[in-house]
Amino acid sequence: MSTPEQYAETKQIVRQAMQEEGVSPQALIQIGDLAKRVLEDKSLYPQFLQAVIQNGLAEEDDMDEEIDYEIIGVMVALGEMVKQMIESGEIEA
């Protein structure tokens, strides 16, 4: 479990990454939602990989053909964090 300080630091990293990479909050939410769907339907994994690559969150060479549950989990968590940040007014949608 993270402390409030760690959570605040993580949110700051997310804000910086969105600015530096030019990724919109909506794109992160969509990728997070797609990652959730991959957990239910593994045939969506290629579509998930394509979305991650197209949004500049990873290079094609970095991604594996086999399902990488770590990256799926990270993207689910990231999408949820961005939703919370929008709801709290910390970032705009």
Protein backbone atom coordinates (compact mmCIF):
# COMPACT_ATOMS: atom_id res chain seq x y z
CA MET A 1 0.00 0.00 0.00
CA SER A 2 1.32 3.43 -0.83
CA THR A 3 1.53 6.41 1.44
CA PRO A 4 -0.21 9.70 0.58
CA GLU A 5 3.21 11.11 -0.33
CA GLN A 6 3.95 8.25 -2.71
CA TYR A 7 0.51 8.61 -4.29
CA ALA A 8 1.03 12.37 -4.77
CA GLU A 9 4.46 11.71 -6.29
CA THR A 10 2.99 9.14 -8.67
CA LYS A 11 0.30 11.59 -9.79
CA GLN A 12 2.99 14.19 -10.48
CA ILE A 13 4.90 11.65 -12.59
CA VAL A 14 1.71 10.92 -14.53
CA ARG A 15 1.14 14.65 -15.19
CA GLN A 16 4.72 15.09 -16.39
CA ALA A 17 4.56 12.02 -18.61
CA MET A 18 1.34 13.22 -20.24
CA GLN A 19 2.95 16.58 -20.99
CA GLU A 20 6.26 15.17 -22.20
CA GLU A 21 4.75 12.41 -24.32
CA GLY A 22 1.75 14.43 -25.49
CA VAL A 23 -0.68 11.74 -24.35
CA SER A 24 -4.17 12.92 -23.48
CA PRO A 25 -5.97 11.85 -20.34
CA GLN A 26 -8.69 10.35 -22.55
CA ALA A 27 -6.14 8.20 -24.38
CA LEU A 28 -4.84 6.85 -21.07
CA ILE A 29 -8.37 6.10 -19.91
CA GLN A 30 -9.17 4.32 -23.18
CA ILE A 31 -5.99 2.25 -22.99
CA GLY A 32 -6.77 1.38 -19.37
CA ASP A 33 -10.29 0.32 -20.33
CA LEU A 34 -8.92 -1.74 -23.23
CA ALA A 35 -6.44 -3.39 -20.85
CA LYS A 36 -9.37 -4.44 -18.64
CA ARG A 37 -11.10 -5.93 -21.67
CA VAL A 38 -7.95 -7.89 -22.56
CA LEU A 39 -8.20 -9.61 -19.19
CA GLU A 40 -11.66 -10.82 -20.23
CA ASP A 41 -10.87 -11.48 -23.91
CA LYS A 42 -7.23 -12.23 -24.69
CA SER A 43 -7.85 -11.91 -28.44
CA LEU A 44 -7.89 -8.11 -27.88
CA TYR A 45 -4.21 -8.08 -26.87
CA PRO A 46 -2.91 -7.10 -30.36
CA GLN A 47 -5.35 -4.16 -30.37
CA PHE A 48 -4.12 -3.16 -26.90
CA LEU A 49 -0.48 -3.33 -28.04
CA GLN A 50 -1.25 -1.17 -31.05
CA ALA A 51 -2.94 1.47 -28.87
CA VAL A 52 0.02 1.55 -26.48
CA ILE A 53 2.50 1.92 -29.35
CA GLN A 54 0.41 4.49 -31.29
CA ASN A 55 0.18 6.69 -28.19
CA GLY A 56 3.94 6.61 -27.70
CA LEU A 57 3.80 4.71 -24.41
CA ALA A 58 6.13 1.99 -25.69
CA GLU A 59 8.17 1.10 -28.72
CA GLU A 60 7.17 -1.86 -30.85
CA ASP A 61 10.47 -3.58 -30.05
CA ASP A 62 9.68 -3.30 -26.33
CA MET A 63 6.41 -5.17 -26.60
CA ASP A 64 6.09 -8.94 -26.57
CA GLU A 65 3.68 -11.01 -28.64
CA GLU A 66 2.77 -12.96 -25.52
CA ILE A 67 0.41 -11.28 -23.09
CA ASP A 68 2.36 -9.13 -20.64
CA TYR A 69 0.18 -8.98 -17.55
CA GLU A 70 2.51 -6.47 -15.91
CA ILE A 71 1.94 -3.84 -18.60
CA ILE A 72 -1.78 -4.61 -18.60
CA GLY A 73 -1.91 -4.06 -14.84
CA VAL A 74 0.05 -0.83 -15.10
CA MET A 75 -2.28 0.50 -17.80
CA VAL A 76 -5.41 -0.46 -15.84
CA ALA A 77 -4.04 1.35 -12.77
CA LEU A 78 -2.95 4.35 -14.84
CA GLY A 79 -6.36 4.67 -16.47
CA GLU A 80 -8.07 4.55 -13.07
CA MET A 81 -5.66 7.11 -11.61
CA VAL A 82 -6.32 9.50 -14.50
CA LYS A 83 -10.09 9.10 -14.00
CA GLN A 84 -9.67 10.01 -10.32
CA MET A 85 -7.48 12.99 -11.20
CA ILE A 86 -10.14 14.28 -13.60
CA GLU A 87 -12.92 13.79 -11.04
CA SER A 88 -10.94 15.66 -8.37
CA GLY A 89 -10.17 18.52 -10.77
CA GLU A 90 -6.41 17.93 -10.76
CA ILE A 91 -6.34 17.62 -14.54
CA GLU A 92 -8.77 18.42 -17.32
CA ALA A 93 -10.31 15.73 -19.49
